Amino acid sequence: MTIDETTSNQPPQVEHRIAYHRELEDLTNGILRLGALACETIPRSTEALLSGNLSDAQAVIDADDEVDDLAAELEEQCLSIMARQAPMAGELRRLVTCIHMLSEIERSADLMVNVCKASRRMFGQSLTPQIRGLAASMSKEANKLLRLSLDAFADNNVSLAAALGDIDDELDQLNRDMVEAIFAHEGQQEIELSGAVQLALIARYYERVGDHAVNIGERVIYMVTGSHEVHAEMADGHGDSAEE
């Protein structure tokens, strides 16, 4: 007997709940798919930066349309479920969290588009070994943070979500190290001033991905616990700020 046949033998109220939970599961899977796309842009953008390959940078920029389209589709799905099902308590918190996560994930992908645009503006300028190493480390940490935030969401893992702020400290330190290295090399005329400015922006873009991951963690905590107090305690300097 198939699942559909089993469902058809259930009372209408039970069928309705089964269909509802399938919708929630589909939505969760869609958000994780969106997150995977955003995560993939991080190493691709870094490779374009370090190689100076304009075609690779353009490919990342063009691929952002897929992220935007999927985010818009999932937002409509969220709103449709909320309108039709009138969810309460934990289910409502989950849907609200999903809407906020869509924004955090989409912005993370946009930041990698910014990295590629900045790398195009730097075309022809060489990077010192130290700068290259720091950029690679920032990329790795940003990717790790975003993936961990998605894991926390998928598993309803409050402990992991709460740890993201501490994990993000490493990316914050790398950002400071990068800025110091950029202007030290610029002062020694190893990097042109225009390139130094773009590199400082790039470092900020990576750092902001970490902030978005922390924001997702805060949302997961509220989604699971329903506590605004826990959510507020985690808002420790990781709030949103202006982006390009």
C-alpha atoms as a PDB file:
ATOM      1  CA  MET A   1       0.000   0.000   0.000  1.00  0.00           C
ATOM      2  CA  THR A   2       1.376   3.416  -0.975  1.00  0.00           C
ATOM      3  CA  ILE A   3       1.542   6.495   1.253  1.00  0.00           C
ATOM      4  CA  ASP A   4      -1.186   8.119  -0.827  1.00  0.00           C
ATOM      5  CA  GLU A   5      -3.433   5.087  -0.353  1.00  0.00           C
ATOM      6  CA  THR A   6      -2.785   5.169   3.389  1.00  0.00           C
ATOM      7  CA  THR A   7      -3.604   8.867   3.505  1.00  0.00           C
ATOM      8  CA  SER A   8      -6.839   8.401   1.547  1.00  0.00           C
ATOM      9  CA  ASN A   9      -8.115   6.014   4.241  1.00  0.00           C
ATOM     10  CA  GLN A  10      -7.665   8.591   6.988  1.00  0.00           C
ATOM     11  CA  PRO A  11     -10.386  10.917   8.327  1.00  0.00           C
ATOM     12  CA  PRO A  12     -10.407  14.363   6.627  1.00  0.00           C
ATOM     13  CA  GLN A  13      -8.848  16.085   9.646  1.00  0.00           C
ATOM     14  CA  VAL A  14      -5.962  13.606   9.689  1.00  0.00           C
ATOM     15  CA  GLU A  15      -5.460  13.920   5.927  1.00  0.00           C
ATOM     16  CA  HIS A  16      -5.334  17.682   6.333  1.00  0.00           C
ATOM     17  CA  ARG A  17      -2.639  17.477   9.024  1.00  0.00           C
ATOM     18  CA  ILE A  18      -0.567  15.010   7.008  1.00  0.00           C
ATOM     19  CA  ALA A  19      -0.685  17.295   3.971  1.00  0.00           C
ATOM     20  CA  TYR A  20       0.161  20.295   6.153  1.00  0.00           C
ATOM     21  CA  HIS A  21       3.248  18.631   7.605  1.00  0.00           C
ATOM     22  CA  ARG A  22       4.346  17.594   4.141  1.00  0.00           C
ATOM     23  CA  GLU A  23       4.185  21.245   3.128  1.00  0.00           C
ATOM     24  CA  LEU A  24       6.316  22.220   6.135  1.00  0.00           C
ATOM     25  CA  GLU A  25       8.826  19.500   5.269  1.00  0.00           C
ATOM     26  CA  ASP A  26       8.981  20.632   1.642  1.00  0.00           C
ATOM     27  CA  LEU A  27       9.536  24.200   2.798  1.00  0.00           C
ATOM     28  CA  THR A  28      12.355  23.145   5.134  1.00  0.00           C
ATOM     29  CA  ASN A  29      14.012  21.173   2.346  1.00  0.00           C
ATOM     30  CA  GLY A  30      13.685  24.163   0.032  1.00  0.00           C
ATOM     31  CA  ILE A  31      15.397  26.461   2.524  1.00  0.00           C
ATOM     32  CA  LEU A  32      18.218  23.963   2.998  1.00  0.00           C
ATOM     33  CA  ARG A  33      18.587  23.779  -0.786  1.00  0.00           C
ATOM     34  CA  LEU A  34      18.765  27.570  -0.922  1.00  0.00           C
ATOM     35  CA  GLY A  35      21.376  27.512   1.830  1.00  0.00           C
ATOM     36  CA  ALA A  36      23.426  24.954  -0.080  1.00  0.00           C
ATOM     37  CA  LEU A  37      23.413  27.209  -3.143  1.00  0.00           C
ATOM     38  CA  ALA A  38      24.575  30.151  -1.037  1.00  0.00           C
ATOM     39  CA  CYS A  39      27.326  28.055   0.552  1.00  0.00           C
ATOM     40  CA  GLU A  40      28.565  26.990  -2.877  1.00  0.00           C
ATOM     41  CA  THR A  41      29.054  30.611  -3.907  1.00  0.00           C
ATOM     42  CA  ILE A  42      31.628  31.224  -1.164  1.00  0.00           C
ATOM     43  CA  PRO A  43      34.485  29.015  -2.440  1.00  0.00           C
ATOM     44  CA  ARG A  44      33.586  29.852  -6.049  1.00  0.00           C
ATOM     45  CA  SER A  45      33.829  33.584  -5.349  1.00  0.00           C
ATOM     46  CA  THR A  46      37.111  33.104  -3.508  1.00  0.00           C
ATOM     47  CA  GLU A  47      38.572  31.121  -6.374  1.00  0.00           C
ATOM     48  CA  ALA A  48      37.575  33.896  -8.787  1.00  0.00           C
ATOM     49  CA  LEU A  49      39.221  36.441  -6.485  1.00  0.00           C
ATOM     50  CA  LEU A  50      42.470  34.537  -6.041  1.00  0.00           C
ATOM     51  CA  SER A  51      42.785  33.491  -9.686  1.00  0.00           C
ATOM     52  CA  GLY A  52      41.722  36.841 -11.119  1.00  0.00           C
ATOM     53  CA  ASN A  53      39.490  34.941 -13.544  1.00  0.00           C
ATOM     54  CA  LEU A  54      36.834  37.310 -14.869  1.00  0.00           C
ATOM     55  CA  SER A  55      34.777  34.494 -16.391  1.00  0.00           C
ATOM     56  CA  ASP A  56      34.545  32.707 -13.049  1.00  0.00           C
ATOM     57  CA  ALA A  57      33.524  35.946 -11.337  1.00  0.00           C
ATOM     58  CA  GLN A  58      30.817  36.567 -13.939  1.00  0.00           C
ATOM     59  CA  ALA A  59      29.519  33.014 -13.557  1.00  0.00           C
ATOM     60  CA  VAL A  60      28.947  33.589  -9.825  1.00  0.00           C
ATOM     61  CA  ILE A  61      27.212  36.898 -10.530  1.00  0.00           C
ATOM     62  CA  ASP A  62      24.939  35.295 -13.139  1.00  0.00           C
ATOM     63  CA  ALA A  63      24.129  32.314 -10.896  1.00  0.00           C
ATOM     64  CA  ASP A  64      22.731  34.669  -8.248  1.00  0.00           C
ATOM     65  CA  ASP A  65      19.496  34.822 -10.252  1.00  0.00           C
ATOM     66  CA  GLU A  66      18.824  31.204  -9.279  1.00  0.00           C
ATOM     67  CA  VAL A  67      19.226  32.086  -5.601  1.00  0.00           C
ATOM     68  CA  ASP A  68      16.946  35.109  -5.912  1.00  0.00           C
ATOM     69  CA  ASP A  69      14.264  33.157  -7.791  1.00  0.00           C
ATOM     70  CA  LEU A  70      14.275  30.283  -5.310  1.00  0.00           C
ATOM     71  CA  ALA A  71      14.148  32.683  -2.344  1.00  0.00           C
ATOM     72  CA  ALA A  72      11.125  34.447  -3.860  1.00  0.00           C
ATOM     73  CA  GLU A  73       9.417  31.116  -4.525  1.00  0.00           C
ATOM     74  CA  LEU A  74       9.994  29.921  -0.961  1.00  0.00           C
ATOM     75  CA  GLU A  75       8.740  33.202   0.487  1.00  0.00           C
ATOM     76  CA  GLU A  76       5.505  32.787  -1.452  1.00  0.00           C
ATOM     77  CA  GLN A  77       5.287  29.234  -0.147  1.00  0.00           C
ATOM     78  CA  CYS A  78       5.683  30.473   3.436  1.00  0.00           C
ATOM     79  CA  LEU A  79       3.020  33.118   3.036  1.00  0.00           C
ATOM     80  CA  SER A  80       0.650  30.667   1.379  1.00  0.00           C
ATOM     81  CA  ILE A  81       0.966  28.190   4.247  1.00  0.00           C
ATOM     82  CA  MET A  82       0.422  30.933   6.816  1.00  0.00           C
ATOM     83  CA  ALA A  83      -2.679  32.189   5.001  1.00  0.00           C
ATOM     84  CA  ARG A  84      -4.255  28.776   4.444  1.00  0.00           C
ATOM     85  CA  GLN A  85      -3.319  26.917   7.618  1.00  0.00           C
ATOM     86  CA  ALA A  86      -3.436  29.646  10.319  1.00  0.00           C
ATOM     87  CA  PRO A  87      -0.551  27.991  12.217  1.00  0.00           C
ATOM     88  CA  MET A  88      -0.188  28.453  15.956  1.00  0.00           C
ATOM     89  CA  ALA A  89       2.652  28.360  18.515  1.00  0.00           C
ATOM     90  CA  GLY A  90       5.700  26.399  17.349  1.00  0.00           C
ATOM     91  CA  GLU A  91       4.525  26.015  13.776  1.00  0.00           C
ATOM     92  CA  LEU A  92       3.980  29.756  13.449  1.00  0.00           C
ATOM     93  CA  ARG A  93       7.420  30.449  14.921  1.00  0.00           C
ATOM     94  CA  ARG A  94       8.918  28.036  12.407  1.00  0.00           C
ATOM     95  CA  LEU A  95       7.278  29.780   9.462  1.00  0.00           C
ATOM     96  CA  VAL A  96       8.317  33.221  10.699  1.00  0.00           C
ATOM     97  CA  THR A  97      11.850  31.894  11.169  1.00  0.00           C
ATOM     98  CA  CYS A  98      11.816  30.557   7.623  1.00  0.00           C
ATOM     99  CA  ILE A  99      10.895  33.970   6.229  1.00  0.00           C
ATOM    100  CA  HIS A 100      13.725  35.625   8.150  1.00  0.00           C
ATOM    101  CA  MET A 101      16.169  32.912   7.092  1.00  0.00           C
ATOM    102  CA  LEU A 102      15.379  33.478   3.432  1.00  0.00           C
ATOM    103  CA  SER A 103      16.580  37.044   3.789  1.00  0.00           C
ATOM    104  CA  GLU A 104      19.733  36.055   5.695  1.00  0.00           C
ATOM    105  CA  ILE A 105      20.666  33.389   3.134  1.00  0.00           C
ATOM    106  CA  GLU A 106      19.915  35.563   0.110  1.00  0.00           C
ATOM    107  CA  ARG A 107      22.001  38.400   1.547  1.00  0.00           C
ATOM    108  CA  SER A 108      24.889  36.004   2.151  1.00  0.00           C
ATOM    109  CA  ALA A 109      24.826  35.036  -1.523  1.00  0.00           C
ATOM    110  CA  ASP A 110      24.629  38.722  -2.480  1.00  0.00           C
ATOM    111  CA  LEU A 111      27.772  39.371  -0.442  1.00  0.00           C
ATOM    112  CA  MET A 112      29.657  36.829  -2.549  1.00  0.00           C
ATOM    113  CA  VAL A 113      28.416  38.593  -5.661  1.00  0.00           C
ATOM    114  CA  ASN A 114      29.948  41.725  -4.144  1.00  0.00           C
ATOM    115  CA  VAL A 115      33.244  39.849  -3.717  1.00  0.00           C
ATOM    116  CA  CYS A 116      33.206  38.986  -7.412  1.00  0.00           C
ATOM    117  CA  LYS A 117      32.395  42.552  -8.430  1.00  0.00           C
ATOM    118  CA  ALA A 118      35.202  43.845  -6.238  1.00  0.00           C
ATOM    119  CA  SER A 119      37.614  41.300  -7.746  1.00  0.00           C
ATOM    120  CA  ARG A 120      36.706  42.602 -11.200  1.00  0.00           C
ATOM    121  CA  ARG A 121      37.527  46.137 -10.088  1.00  0.00           C
ATOM    122  CA  MET A 122      40.907  44.823  -8.925  1.00  0.00           C
ATOM    123  CA  PHE A 123      41.664  43.028 -12.185  1.00  0.00           C
ATOM    124  CA  GLY A 124      45.368  43.023 -12.959  1.00  0.00           C
ATOM    125  CA  GLN A 125      46.493  43.742  -9.404  1.00  0.00           C
ATOM    126  CA  SER A 126      48.579  41.078  -7.686  1.00  0.00           C
ATOM    127  CA  LEU A 127      47.908  39.815  -4.171  1.00  0.00           C
ATOM    128  CA  THR A 128      50.633  39.135  -1.651  1.00  0.00           C
ATOM    129  CA  PRO A 129      50.921  35.605  -0.214  1.00  0.00           C
ATOM    130  CA  GLN A 130      49.716  36.885   3.164  1.00  0.00           C
ATOM    131  CA  ILE A 131      46.620  38.491   1.669  1.00  0.00           C
ATOM    132  CA  ARG A 132      45.850  35.365  -0.352  1.00  0.00           C
ATOM    133  CA  GLY A 133      46.154  33.191   2.736  1.00  0.00           C
ATOM    134  CA  LEU A 134      43.909  35.434   4.817  1.00  0.00           C
ATOM    135  CA  ALA A 135      41.271  35.586   2.072  1.00  0.00           C
ATOM    136  CA  ALA A 136      41.276  31.792   1.828  1.00  0.00           C
ATOM    137  CA  SER A 137      40.925  31.489   5.607  1.00  0.00           C
ATOM    138  CA  MET A 138      38.056  33.989   5.725  1.00  0.00           C
ATOM    139  CA  SER A 139      36.291  32.106   2.950  1.00  0.00           C
ATOM    140  CA  LYS A 140      36.652  28.804   4.813  1.00  0.00           C
ATOM    141  CA  GLU A 141      35.355  30.268   8.078  1.00  0.00           C
ATOM    142  CA  ALA A 142      32.412  32.037   6.425  1.00  0.00           C
ATOM    143  CA  ASN A 143      31.427  28.841   4.637  1.00  0.00           C
ATOM    144  CA  LYS A 144      31.696  26.849   7.878  1.00  0.00           C
ATOM    145  CA  LEU A 145      29.532  29.301   9.807  1.00  0.00           C
ATOM    146  CA  LEU A 146      26.790  29.383   7.212  1.00  0.00           C
ATOM    147  CA  ARG A 147      26.716  25.593   6.984  1.00  0.00           C
ATOM    148  CA  LEU A 148      26.598  25.223  10.766  1.00  0.00           C
ATOM    149  CA  SER A 149      23.685  27.656  10.975  1.00  0.00           C
ATOM    150  CA  LEU A 150      21.800  25.554   8.432  1.00  0.00           C
ATOM    151  CA  ASP A 151      22.601  22.416  10.424  1.00  0.00           C
ATOM    152  CA  ALA A 152      21.230  24.078  13.563  1.00  0.00           C
ATOM    153  CA  PHE A 153      18.006  24.879  11.714  1.00  0.00           C
ATOM    154  CA  ALA A 154      17.646  21.423  10.178  1.00  0.00           C
ATOM    155  CA  ASP A 155      18.226  19.661  13.524  1.00  0.00           C
ATOM    156  CA  ASN A 156      16.480  22.187  15.827  1.00  0.00           C
ATOM    157  CA  ASN A 157      19.845  22.305  17.591  1.00  0.00           C
ATOM    158  CA  VAL A 158      19.752  25.105  20.157  1.00  0.00           C
ATOM    159  CA  SER A 159      23.238  24.340  21.502  1.00  0.00           C
ATOM    160  CA  LEU A 160      24.814  24.676  18.062  1.00  0.00           C
ATOM    161  CA  ALA A 161      22.801  27.807  17.324  1.00  0.00           C
ATOM    162  CA  ALA A 162      23.990  29.374  20.597  1.00  0.00           C
ATOM    163  CA  ALA A 163      27.613  28.524  19.817  1.00  0.00           C
ATOM    164  CA  LEU A 164      27.656  30.355  16.484  1.00  0.00           C
ATOM    165  CA  GLY A 165      28.442  33.720  18.063  1.00  0.00           C
ATOM    166  CA  ASP A 166      31.587  32.310  19.668  1.00  0.00           C
ATOM    167  CA  ILE A 167      32.588  30.519  16.474  1.00  0.00           C
ATOM    168  CA  ASP A 168      32.167  33.792  14.594  1.00  0.00           C
ATOM    169  CA  ASP A 169      34.891  35.380  16.767  1.00  0.00           C
ATOM    170  CA  GLU A 170      37.500  33.649  14.592  1.00  0.00           C
ATOM    171  CA  LEU A 171      36.109  35.265  11.443  1.00  0.00           C
ATOM    172  CA  ASP A 172      35.987  38.651  13.164  1.00  0.00           C
ATOM    173  CA  GLN A 173      39.671  38.294  14.082  1.00  0.00           C
ATOM    174  CA  LEU A 174      40.565  37.300  10.538  1.00  0.00           C
ATOM    175  CA  ASN A 175      38.797  40.425   9.312  1.00  0.00           C
ATOM    176  CA  ARG A 176      40.947  42.563  11.604  1.00  0.00           C
ATOM    177  CA  ASP A 177      44.084  40.712  10.513  1.00  0.00           C
ATOM    178  CA  MET A 178      43.173  41.229   6.871  1.00  0.00           C
ATOM    179  CA  VAL A 179      42.639  44.963   7.235  1.00  0.00           C
ATOM    180  CA  GLU A 180      45.956  45.347   9.068  1.00  0.00           C
ATOM    181  CA  ALA A 181      47.765  43.353   6.388  1.00  0.00           C
ATOM    182  CA  ILE A 182      46.120  45.271   3.557  1.00  0.00           C
ATOM    183  CA  PHE A 183      47.198  48.668   4.747  1.00  0.00           C
ATOM    184  CA  ALA A 184      50.635  47.471   5.838  1.00  0.00           C
ATOM    185  CA  HIS A 185      51.298  46.250   2.306  1.00  0.00           C
ATOM    186  CA  GLU A 186      49.694  49.357   0.812  1.00  0.00           C
ATOM    187  CA  GLY A 187      52.019  51.509   2.920  1.00  0.00           C
ATOM    188  CA  GLN A 188      54.948  49.549   1.521  1.00  0.00           C
ATOM    189  CA  GLN A 189      53.540  50.156  -1.991  1.00  0.00           C
ATOM    190  CA  GLU A 190      53.031  46.419  -2.578  1.00  0.00           C
ATOM    191  CA  ILE A 191      49.300  47.052  -3.160  1.00  0.00           C
ATOM    192  CA  GLU A 192      47.765  50.038  -4.941  1.00  0.00           C
ATOM    193  CA  LEU A 193      45.448  52.204  -2.845  1.00  0.00           C
ATOM    194  CA  SER A 194      42.427  51.373  -5.012  1.00  0.00           C
ATOM    195  CA  GLY A 195      43.155  47.669  -4.557  1.00  0.00           C
ATOM    196  CA  ALA A 196      43.577  48.115  -0.821  1.00  0.00           C
ATOM    197  CA  VAL A 197      40.132  49.688  -0.576  1.00  0.00           C
ATOM    198  CA  GLN A 198      38.541  46.835  -2.543  1.00  0.00           C
ATOM    199  CA  LEU A 199      40.297  44.219  -0.410  1.00  0.00           C
ATOM    200  CA  ALA A 200      39.060  45.881   2.768  1.00  0.00           C
ATOM    201  CA  LEU A 201      35.523  45.712   1.377  1.00  0.00           C
ATOM    202  CA  ILE A 202      35.998  42.061   0.448  1.00  0.00           C
ATOM    203  CA  ALA A 203      37.110  41.252   3.981  1.00  0.00           C
ATOM    204  CA  ARG A 204      33.984  42.969   5.270  1.00  0.00           C
ATOM    205  CA  TYR A 205      31.797  40.919   2.932  1.00  0.00           C
ATOM    206  CA  TYR A 206      33.184  37.650   4.314  1.00  0.00           C
ATOM    207  CA  GLU A 207      32.756  38.927   7.860  1.00  0.00           C
ATOM    208  CA  ARG A 208      29.132  39.835   7.160  1.00  0.00           C
ATOM    209  CA  VAL A 209      28.367  36.265   6.046  1.00  0.00           C
ATOM    210  CA  GLY A 210      29.351  35.206   9.547  1.00  0.00           C
ATOM    211  CA  ASP A 211      26.990  37.798  11.004  1.00  0.00           C
ATOM    212  CA  HIS A 212      24.136  36.429   8.901  1.00  0.00           C
ATOM    213  CA  ALA A 213      24.914  32.923  10.159  1.00  0.00           C
ATOM    214  CA  VAL A 214      24.757  34.185  13.748  1.00  0.00           C
ATOM    215  CA  ASN A 215      21.426  35.865  12.966  1.00  0.00           C
ATOM    216  CA  ILE A 216      20.104  32.529  11.711  1.00  0.00           C
ATOM    217  CA  GLY A 217      21.256  30.933  14.957  1.00  0.00           C
ATOM    218  CA  GLU A 218      19.325  33.519  16.961  1.00  0.00           C
ATOM    219  CA  ARG A 219      16.210  32.776  14.932  1.00  0.00           C
ATOM    220  CA  VAL A 220      16.620  29.040  15.478  1.00  0.00           C
ATOM    221  CA  ILE A 221      16.819  29.539  19.232  1.00  0.00           C
ATOM    222  CA  TYR A 222      13.581  31.518  19.242  1.00  0.00           C
ATOM    223  CA  MET A 223      11.939  29.007  16.884  1.00  0.00           C
ATOM    224  CA  VAL A 224      12.710  26.089  19.194  1.00  0.00           C
ATOM    225  CA  THR A 225      12.351  27.689  22.630  1.00  0.00           C
ATOM    226  CA  GLY A 226       9.846  30.474  22.023  1.00  0.00           C
ATOM    227  CA  SER A 227      11.932  32.643  24.336  1.00  0.00           C
ATOM    228  CA  HIS A 228      12.595  36.261  23.382  1.00  0.00           C
ATOM    229  CA  GLU A 229      14.973  36.536  26.340  1.00  0.00           C
ATOM    230  CA  VAL A 230      17.362  33.942  24.924  1.00  0.00           C
ATOM    231  CA  HIS A 231      17.113  35.663  21.555  1.00  0.00           C
ATOM    232  CA  ALA A 232      17.980  39.020  23.092  1.00  0.00           C
ATOM    233  CA  GLU A 233      20.919  37.659  25.087  1.00  0.00           C
ATOM    234  CA  MET A 234      22.511  36.374  21.892  1.00  0.00           C
ATOM    235  CA  ALA A 235      22.254  39.748  20.101  1.00  0.00           C
ATOM    236  CA  ASP A 236      25.775  40.654  21.172  1.00  0.00           C
ATOM    237  CA  GLY A 237      27.067  42.967  18.506  1.00  0.00           C
ATOM    238  CA  HIS A 238      26.094  40.694  15.627  1.00  0.00           C
ATOM    239  CA  GLY A 239      23.165  42.726  14.350  1.00  0.00           C
ATOM    240  CA  ASP A 240      22.600  43.800  10.776  1.00  0.00           C
ATOM    241  CA  SER A 241      24.513  46.674   9.314  1.00  0.00           C
ATOM    242  CA  ALA A 242      24.579  48.379   5.971  1.00  0.00           C
ATOM    243  CA  GLU A 243      25.847  46.401   2.990  1.00  0.00           C
ATOM    244  CA  GLU A 244      26.773  47.332  -0.530  1.00  0.00           C
END
